[in-house]
Amino acid sequence: MAFGFTDRDFKKLSKALGSPAKFKGTNVRFELGRKDSQRPLTLEIYPDIPIGKRRGNLVSVYTPSAHLQLHFCTGYIISDMLNEVTFIGEEDGKISGIIIEKEGACSLYANVDREILSGDFTQLGPEVMLSGIALSLTETILPEPKKRRPKKTSR
């Protein structure tokens, strides 16, 4: 079954991000960072909308210098210890994630091989290691990987 955002999810997100959920028609909006902040950030979640020929969840992030989108969000995880929320999407063993910090910072990781999340981080280059560590929190909400069938060989 596909993941869908509920009112309960928006309450959890509101508490974790310290921002009230504002229901705006087709989306729910969270405004982060203080008004005098150098890092204002707006998070919008569009649950179950048409995206091309399919339906899914769209997560959009607006900052003064960037606009990020995660199409087909398949879940999220809240880290109270880190004061952040990680939204993820997975397809064909590739993970993409947007991490939103309560204070208004954000990070994007795209097309990360799923196997990196549970591998030995010390064997990765530092430029790759960060994505594995950052997205490893999401392993608990990822579905079991699909087993690949061996390719048939012709005789």
N, C-alpha and C. Protein backbone atom coordinates (compact mmCIF):
# COMPACT_ATOMS: atom_id res chain seq x y z
N MET A 1 0.84 -1.19 0.00
CA MET A 1 0.00 0.00 0.00
C MET A 1 0.88 1.24 0.00
N ALA A 2 0.50 2.24 -0.76
CA ALA A 2 1.28 3.47 -0.87
C ALA A 2 1.10 4.32 0.38
N PHE A 3 2.12 5.10 0.68
CA PHE A 3 2.09 5.99 1.83
C PHE A 3 1.20 7.19 1.53
N GLY A 4 0.41 7.59 2.52
CA GLY A 4 -0.41 8.78 2.40
C GLY A 4 -0.34 9.60 3.68
N PHE A 5 -0.23 10.91 3.54
CA PHE A 5 -0.21 11.80 4.70
C PHE A 5 -1.61 11.90 5.30
N THR A 6 -1.68 11.96 6.63
CA THR A 6 -2.95 12.11 7.35
C THR A 6 -2.87 13.35 8.23
N ASP A 7 -4.00 13.73 8.80
CA ASP A 7 -4.01 14.85 9.74
C ASP A 7 -3.07 14.57 10.92
N ARG A 8 -3.00 13.33 11.32
CA ARG A 8 -2.10 12.95 12.42
C ARG A 8 -0.64 13.22 12.05
N ASP A 9 -0.27 12.94 10.81
CA ASP A 9 1.09 13.24 10.34
C ASP A 9 1.37 14.73 10.40
N PHE A 10 0.40 15.53 9.98
CA PHE A 10 0.61 16.99 9.98
C PHE A 10 0.74 17.52 11.40
N LYS A 11 0.04 16.93 12.36
CA LYS A 11 0.21 17.32 13.77
C LYS A 11 1.60 16.97 14.27
N LYS A 12 2.08 15.78 13.92
CA LYS A 12 3.44 15.37 14.31
C LYS A 12 4.49 16.30 13.70
N LEU A 13 4.31 16.61 12.42
CA LEU A 13 5.27 17.48 11.73
C LEU A 13 5.26 18.88 12.34
N SER A 14 4.07 19.38 12.66
CA SER A 14 3.94 20.69 13.27
C SER A 14 4.70 20.76 14.59
N LYS A 15 4.54 19.73 15.40
CA LYS A 15 5.24 19.67 16.69
C LYS A 15 6.75 19.59 16.49
N ALA A 16 7.19 18.72 15.58
CA ALA A 16 8.62 18.53 15.35
C ALA A 16 9.29 19.78 14.78
N LEU A 17 8.58 20.49 13.91
CA LEU A 17 9.18 21.65 13.24
C LEU A 17 8.91 22.96 13.98
N GLY A 18 8.04 22.92 15.00
CA GLY A 18 7.74 24.14 15.76
C GLY A 18 7.00 25.17 14.94
N SER A 19 6.17 24.70 14.02
CA SER A 19 5.43 25.60 13.13
C SER A 19 4.03 25.03 12.93
N PRO A 20 3.01 25.88 13.00
CA PRO A 20 1.66 25.36 12.79
C PRO A 20 1.46 24.94 11.34
N ALA A 21 0.69 23.89 11.14
CA ALA A 21 0.32 23.45 9.80
C ALA A 21 -0.79 24.36 9.29
N LYS A 22 -0.56 24.94 8.12
CA LYS A 22 -1.57 25.81 7.51
C LYS A 22 -2.14 25.09 6.30
N PHE A 23 -3.42 24.75 6.38
CA PHE A 23 -4.07 24.03 5.30
C PHE A 23 -4.49 25.04 4.23
N LYS A 24 -3.94 24.86 3.01
CA LYS A 24 -4.13 25.83 1.92
C LYS A 24 -4.71 25.17 0.68
N GLY A 25 -5.87 24.59 0.78
CA GLY A 25 -6.47 23.95 -0.38
C GLY A 25 -5.84 22.60 -0.64
N THR A 26 -5.00 22.51 -1.67
CA THR A 26 -4.40 21.22 -2.03
C THR A 26 -3.11 20.93 -1.27
N ASN A 27 -2.65 21.86 -0.45
CA ASN A 27 -1.39 21.62 0.26
C ASN A 27 -1.46 22.03 1.72
N VAL A 28 -0.45 21.60 2.44
CA VAL A 28 -0.28 21.98 3.84
C VAL A 28 1.08 22.68 3.92
N ARG A 29 1.09 23.84 4.55
CA ARG A 29 2.27 24.71 4.55
C ARG A 29 2.82 24.89 5.96
N PHE A 30 4.15 24.86 6.06
CA PHE A 30 4.85 25.12 7.32
C PHE A 30 5.87 26.23 7.04
N GLU A 31 5.86 27.27 7.86
CA GLU A 31 6.81 28.37 7.69
C GLU A 31 7.80 28.31 8.85
N LEU A 32 9.07 28.08 8.51
CA LEU A 32 10.11 27.89 9.52
C LEU A 32 11.05 29.08 9.57
N GLY A 33 11.76 29.17 10.67
CA GLY A 33 12.68 30.28 10.87
C GLY A 33 11.92 31.48 11.40
N ARG A 34 12.55 32.20 12.28
CA ARG A 34 11.92 33.40 12.83
C ARG A 34 11.80 34.46 11.73
N LYS A 35 10.93 35.40 11.94
CA LYS A 35 10.72 36.47 10.94
C LYS A 35 12.01 37.24 10.67
N ASP A 36 12.87 37.38 11.69
CA ASP A 36 14.13 38.11 11.50
C ASP A 36 15.28 37.18 11.12
N SER A 37 14.96 35.95 10.81
CA SER A 37 15.97 34.94 10.51
C SER A 37 16.63 35.19 9.16
N GLN A 38 17.89 34.81 9.07
CA GLN A 38 18.60 34.85 7.80
C GLN A 38 18.26 33.63 6.95
N ARG A 39 17.55 32.64 7.55
CA ARG A 39 17.24 31.40 6.85
C ARG A 39 15.75 31.07 6.90
N PRO A 40 14.89 31.93 6.34
CA PRO A 40 13.48 31.55 6.31
C PRO A 40 13.31 30.38 5.34
N LEU A 41 12.39 29.49 5.65
CA LEU A 41 12.14 28.33 4.81
C LEU A 41 10.65 28.02 4.86
N THR A 42 10.09 27.72 3.71
CA THR A 42 8.69 27.31 3.63
C THR A 42 8.66 25.90 3.08
N LEU A 43 7.93 25.05 3.78
CA LEU A 43 7.74 23.66 3.39
C LEU A 43 6.28 23.50 3.01
N GLU A 44 6.03 22.94 1.83
CA GLU A 44 4.68 22.65 1.41
C GLU A 44 4.57 21.18 1.05
N ILE A 45 3.52 20.55 1.55
CA ILE A 45 3.27 19.14 1.26
C ILE A 45 1.95 19.06 0.51
N TYR A 46 2.01 18.46 -0.67
CA TYR A 46 0.83 18.24 -1.50
C TYR A 46 0.52 16.75 -1.46
N PRO A 47 -0.41 16.33 -0.59
CA PRO A 47 -0.70 14.89 -0.49
C PRO A 47 -1.58 14.40 -1.64
N ASP A 48 -1.21 13.25 -2.16
CA ASP A 48 -2.01 12.52 -3.15
C ASP A 48 -2.53 13.41 -4.27
N ILE A 49 -1.60 13.99 -5.03
CA ILE A 49 -1.98 14.83 -6.17
C ILE A 49 -1.53 14.16 -7.46
N PRO A 50 -2.10 14.57 -8.60
CA PRO A 50 -1.61 14.04 -9.87
C PRO A 50 -0.19 14.55 -10.12
N ILE A 51 0.70 13.62 -10.43
CA ILE A 51 2.08 13.96 -10.83
C ILE A 51 2.30 13.20 -12.13
N GLY A 52 2.18 13.89 -13.23
CA GLY A 52 2.21 13.21 -14.52
C GLY A 52 1.00 12.30 -14.64
N LYS A 53 1.24 11.04 -15.01
CA LYS A 53 0.15 10.08 -15.18
C LYS A 53 -0.15 9.29 -13.91
N ARG A 54 0.58 9.57 -12.84
CA ARG A 54 0.38 8.86 -11.57
C ARG A 54 -0.05 9.86 -10.50
N ARG A 55 -0.40 9.32 -9.34
CA ARG A 55 -0.72 10.14 -8.18
C ARG A 55 0.34 9.89 -7.12
N GLY A 56 0.61 10.90 -6.33
CA GLY A 56 1.58 10.73 -5.25
C GLY A 56 1.67 11.97 -4.40
N ASN A 57 2.63 11.94 -3.49
CA ASN A 57 2.88 13.05 -2.57
C ASN A 57 4.03 13.89 -3.09
N LEU A 58 3.86 15.19 -3.08
CA LEU A 58 4.89 16.13 -3.50
C LEU A 58 5.31 16.96 -2.29
N VAL A 59 6.61 17.04 -2.05
CA VAL A 59 7.15 17.88 -0.99
C VAL A 59 7.95 18.99 -1.66
N SER A 60 7.59 20.24 -1.39
CA SER A 60 8.29 21.40 -1.95
C SER A 60 8.90 22.23 -0.83
N VAL A 61 10.11 22.71 -1.08
CA VAL A 61 10.81 23.55 -0.12
C VAL A 61 11.22 24.84 -0.83
N TYR A 62 10.89 25.96 -0.21
CA TYR A 62 11.26 27.26 -0.75
C TYR A 62 12.16 27.98 0.25
N THR A 63 13.29 28.45 -0.24
CA THR A 63 14.18 29.29 0.56
C THR A 63 14.48 30.54 -0.26
N PRO A 64 15.15 31.53 0.30
CA PRO A 64 15.46 32.72 -0.51
C PRO A 64 16.33 32.41 -1.73
N SER A 65 17.06 31.30 -1.68
CA SER A 65 17.98 31.02 -2.79
C SER A 65 17.76 29.67 -3.47
N ALA A 66 16.71 28.94 -3.10
CA ALA A 66 16.51 27.62 -3.71
C ALA A 66 15.04 27.21 -3.68
N HIS A 67 14.68 26.35 -4.62
CA HIS A 67 13.38 25.68 -4.64
C HIS A 67 13.68 24.21 -4.89
N LEU A 68 13.31 23.36 -3.94
CA LEU A 68 13.57 21.92 -4.04
C LEU A 68 12.25 21.18 -4.05
N GLN A 69 12.20 20.08 -4.80
CA GLN A 69 11.00 19.25 -4.81
C GLN A 69 11.38 17.79 -4.71
N LEU A 70 10.57 17.05 -3.96
CA LEU A 70 10.68 15.60 -3.87
C LEU A 70 9.35 15.04 -4.37
N HIS A 71 9.39 14.42 -5.53
CA HIS A 71 8.19 13.81 -6.10
C HIS A 71 8.03 12.41 -5.53
N PHE A 72 6.80 11.99 -5.34
CA PHE A 72 6.46 10.65 -4.87
C PHE A 72 7.11 10.34 -3.52
N CYS A 73 6.92 11.24 -2.57
CA CYS A 73 7.40 11.01 -1.20
C CYS A 73 6.74 9.74 -0.66
N THR A 74 7.58 8.82 -0.17
CA THR A 74 7.06 7.53 0.31
C THR A 74 7.10 7.42 1.83
N GLY A 75 7.51 8.48 2.51
CA GLY A 75 7.51 8.46 3.96
C GLY A 75 8.38 9.57 4.54
N TYR A 76 8.39 9.63 5.85
CA TYR A 76 9.21 10.61 6.54
C TYR A 76 9.59 10.03 7.89
N ILE A 77 10.63 10.59 8.47
CA ILE A 77 11.02 10.21 9.82
C ILE A 77 11.43 11.47 10.57
N ILE A 78 10.99 11.55 11.81
CA ILE A 78 11.30 12.70 12.66
C ILE A 78 12.43 12.32 13.59
N SER A 79 13.41 13.20 13.70
CA SER A 79 14.48 13.03 14.68
C SER A 79 14.38 14.19 15.67
N ASP A 80 13.84 13.89 16.86
CA ASP A 80 13.75 14.92 17.90
C ASP A 80 15.15 15.32 18.38
N MET A 81 16.06 14.36 18.40
CA MET A 81 17.42 14.63 18.86
C MET A 81 18.13 15.62 17.93
N LEU A 82 17.91 15.49 16.63
CA LEU A 82 18.57 16.36 15.66
C LEU A 82 17.71 17.57 15.27
N ASN A 83 16.48 17.63 15.79
CA ASN A 83 15.54 18.71 15.44
C ASN A 83 15.33 18.81 13.94
N GLU A 84 15.04 17.65 13.31
CA GLU A 84 14.85 17.66 11.88
C GLU A 84 13.87 16.58 11.44
N VAL A 85 13.39 16.75 10.22
CA VAL A 85 12.50 15.78 9.59
C VAL A 85 13.11 15.42 8.25
N THR A 86 13.16 14.13 7.95
CA THR A 86 13.66 13.65 6.67
C THR A 86 12.51 13.06 5.88
N PHE A 87 12.27 13.61 4.70
CA PHE A 87 11.26 13.11 3.78
C PHE A 87 11.99 12.30 2.72
N ILE A 88 11.47 11.12 2.39
CA ILE A 88 12.16 10.29 1.42
C ILE A 88 11.23 9.81 0.31
N GLY A 89 11.86 9.43 -0.76
CA GLY A 89 11.20 8.76 -1.87
C GLY A 89 12.13 7.66 -2.33
N GLU A 90 11.58 6.50 -2.64
CA GLU A 90 12.41 5.40 -3.10
C GLU A 90 11.82 4.82 -4.37
N GLU A 91 12.69 4.53 -5.30
CA GLU A 91 12.28 3.85 -6.52
C GLU A 91 13.47 3.08 -7.08
N ASP A 92 13.25 1.83 -7.37
CA ASP A 92 14.27 0.96 -7.97
C ASP A 92 15.59 0.98 -7.20
N GLY A 93 15.52 0.91 -5.86
CA GLY A 93 16.72 0.83 -5.06
C GLY A 93 17.47 2.14 -4.89
N LYS A 94 16.88 3.21 -5.34
CA LYS A 94 17.48 4.55 -5.20
C LYS A 94 16.64 5.36 -4.22
N ILE A 95 17.32 6.02 -3.30
CA ILE A 95 16.65 6.83 -2.29
C ILE A 95 16.96 8.30 -2.57
N SER A 96 15.93 9.13 -2.47
CA SER A 96 16.11 10.57 -2.50
C SER A 96 15.50 11.12 -1.23
N GLY A 97 16.11 12.13 -0.66
CA GLY A 97 15.59 12.67 0.59
C GLY A 97 15.84 14.15 0.73
N ILE A 98 14.89 14.81 1.37
CA ILE A 98 15.03 16.21 1.76
C ILE A 98 14.97 16.25 3.27
N ILE A 99 15.99 16.83 3.86
CA ILE A 99 16.05 16.96 5.32
C ILE A 99 15.77 18.42 5.68
N ILE A 100 14.77 18.62 6.53
CA ILE A 100 14.37 19.96 6.97
C ILE A 100 14.72 20.10 8.45
N GLU A 101 15.53 21.09 8.77
CA GLU A 101 15.86 21.37 10.16
C GLU A 101 14.88 22.39 10.73
N LYS A 102 14.57 22.24 11.99
CA LYS A 102 13.62 23.11 12.68
C LYS A 102 14.00 24.59 12.55
N GLU A 103 15.28 24.88 12.51
CA GLU A 103 15.75 26.27 12.43
C GLU A 103 15.76 26.84 11.01
N GLY A 104 15.39 26.01 10.02
CA GLY A 104 15.26 26.55 8.67
C GLY A 104 16.30 26.10 7.66
N ALA A 105 17.22 25.25 8.04
CA ALA A 105 18.20 24.73 7.07
C ALA A 105 17.60 23.52 6.37
N CYS A 106 18.12 23.20 5.20
CA CYS A 106 17.66 22.01 4.51
C CYS A 106 18.79 21.41 3.68
N SER A 107 18.67 20.11 3.43
CA SER A 107 19.64 19.38 2.61
C SER A 107 18.87 18.49 1.66
N LEU A 108 19.46 18.23 0.50
CA LEU A 108 18.86 17.34 -0.48
C LEU A 108 19.88 16.29 -0.87
N TYR A 109 19.44 15.04 -0.90
CA TYR A 109 20.26 13.93 -1.39
C TYR A 109 19.40 13.19 -2.41
N ALA A 110 19.94 12.94 -3.60
CA ALA A 110 19.13 12.32 -4.65
C ALA A 110 19.84 11.11 -5.26
N ASN A 111 19.03 10.10 -5.58
CA ASN A 111 19.50 8.89 -6.26
C ASN A 111 20.62 8.18 -5.52
N VAL A 112 20.50 8.09 -4.21
CA VAL A 112 21.50 7.41 -3.38
C VAL A 112 21.19 5.91 -3.41
N ASP A 113 22.19 5.09 -3.72
CA ASP A 113 21.98 3.65 -3.71
C ASP A 113 21.57 3.20 -2.33
N ARG A 114 20.51 2.45 -2.26
CA ARG A 114 19.97 1.99 -0.98
C ARG A 114 21.02 1.23 -0.16
N GLU A 115 21.86 0.46 -0.82
CA GLU A 115 22.84 -0.36 -0.10
C GLU A 115 23.86 0.49 0.66
N ILE A 116 24.02 1.74 0.27
CA ILE A 116 24.95 2.62 0.99
C ILE A 116 24.47 2.91 2.40
N LEU A 117 23.14 2.90 2.61
CA LEU A 117 22.57 3.25 3.91
C LEU A 117 22.98 2.28 5.00
N SER A 118 23.15 1.02 4.66
CA SER A 118 23.49 0.04 5.69
C SER A 118 24.89 -0.53 5.51
N GLY A 119 25.66 0.08 4.65
CA GLY A 119 27.02 -0.39 4.43
C GLY A 119 27.99 0.15 5.46
N ASP A 120 29.24 -0.15 5.25
CA ASP A 120 30.32 0.32 6.13
C ASP A 120 30.73 1.72 5.67
N PHE A 121 30.31 2.74 6.43
CA PHE A 121 30.57 4.12 6.04
C PHE A 121 32.06 4.42 5.95
N THR A 122 32.88 3.69 6.69
CA THR A 122 34.32 3.95 6.67
C THR A 122 34.95 3.56 5.34
N GLN A 123 34.23 2.77 4.54
CA GLN A 123 34.73 2.36 3.23
C GLN A 123 34.33 3.34 2.12
N LEU A 124 33.58 4.36 2.48
CA LEU A 124 33.12 5.34 1.50
C LEU A 124 34.00 6.58 1.53
N GLY A 125 34.11 7.23 0.40
CA GLY A 125 34.80 8.52 0.37
C GLY A 125 33.99 9.54 1.15
N PRO A 126 34.64 10.56 1.70
CA PRO A 126 33.91 11.54 2.52
C PRO A 126 32.81 12.26 1.74
N GLU A 127 32.98 12.42 0.44
CA GLU A 127 31.96 13.09 -0.36
C GLU A 127 30.71 12.24 -0.54
N VAL A 128 30.81 10.93 -0.33
CA VAL A 128 29.68 10.01 -0.44
C VAL A 128 29.14 9.64 0.95
N MET A 129 30.02 9.62 1.91
CA MET A 129 29.69 9.18 3.27
C MET A 129 28.52 9.97 3.87
N LEU A 130 28.51 11.27 3.68
CA LEU A 130 27.49 12.11 4.31
C LEU A 130 26.08 11.72 3.89
N SER A 131 25.89 11.42 2.62
CA SER A 131 24.54 11.04 2.18
C SER A 131 24.10 9.73 2.82
N GLY A 132 25.01 8.79 2.94
CA GLY A 132 24.68 7.51 3.58
C GLY A 132 24.32 7.67 5.04
N ILE A 133 25.09 8.48 5.74
CA ILE A 133 24.82 8.71 7.16
C ILE A 133 23.50 9.47 7.33
N ALA A 134 23.31 10.52 6.54
CA ALA A 134 22.11 11.35 6.68
C ALA A 134 20.84 10.57 6.39
N LEU A 135 20.86 9.71 5.41
CA LEU A 135 19.65 8.97 5.03
C LEU A 135 19.50 7.63 5.75
N SER A 136 20.53 7.22 6.48
CA SER A 136 20.45 5.92 7.17
C SER A 136 19.34 5.88 8.21
N LEU A 137 18.94 7.01 8.74
CA LEU A 137 17.83 7.06 9.70
C LEU A 137 16.53 6.53 9.09
N THR A 138 16.42 6.59 7.78
CA THR A 138 15.18 6.21 7.13
C THR A 138 15.04 4.71 6.91
N GLU A 139 16.07 3.94 7.17
CA GLU A 139 16.00 2.50 6.93
C GLU A 139 14.83 1.84 7.65
N THR A 140 14.47 2.37 8.81
CA THR A 140 13.39 1.77 9.59
C THR A 140 12.02 1.92 8.93
N ILE A 141 11.87 2.84 7.98
CA ILE A 141 10.57 3.03 7.33
C ILE A 141 10.58 2.56 5.87
N LEU A 142 11.71 2.10 5.40
CA LEU A 142 11.78 1.61 4.02
C LEU A 142 11.20 0.21 3.93
N PRO A 143 10.46 -0.07 2.87
CA PRO A 143 9.96 -1.44 2.70
C PRO A 143 11.12 -2.39 2.40
N GLU A 144 10.88 -3.66 2.61
CA GLU A 144 11.90 -4.65 2.29
C GLU A 144 12.28 -4.52 0.82
N PRO A 145 13.59 -4.64 0.52
CA PRO A 145 13.98 -4.53 -0.89
C PRO A 145 13.39 -5.69 -1.70
N LYS A 146 13.06 -5.38 -2.93
CA LYS A 146 12.54 -6.41 -3.82
C LYS A 146 13.69 -7.30 -4.26
N LYS A 147 13.45 -8.59 -4.26
CA LYS A 147 14.47 -9.52 -4.72
C LYS A 147 14.44 -9.56 -6.24
N ARG A 148 15.62 -9.50 -6.80
CA ARG A 148 15.72 -9.53 -8.25
C ARG A 148 15.76 -10.98 -8.72
N ARG A 149 15.05 -11.21 -9.79
CA ARG A 149 15.08 -12.54 -10.39
C ARG A 149 16.35 -12.66 -11.23
N PRO A 150 16.94 -13.84 -11.21
CA PRO A 150 18.10 -14.02 -12.09
C PRO A 150 17.67 -13.92 -13.55
N LYS A 151 18.55 -13.36 -14.36
CA LYS A 151 18.25 -13.23 -15.77
C LYS A 151 18.28 -14.61 -16.44
N LYS A 152 17.32 -14.81 -17.32
CA LYS A 152 17.30 -16.06 -18.07
C LYS A 152 18.36 -15.99 -19.16
N THR A 153 19.05 -17.06 -19.32
CA THR A 153 20.04 -17.11 -20.39
C THR A 153 19.52 -17.99 -21.49
N SER A 154 19.79 -17.60 -22.70
CA SER A 154 19.33 -18.41 -23.82
C SER A 154 20.36 -19.48 -24.14
N ARG A 155 19.89 -20.59 -24.60
CA ARG A 155 20.79 -21.71 -24.92
C ARG A 155 20.86 -21.93 -26.39
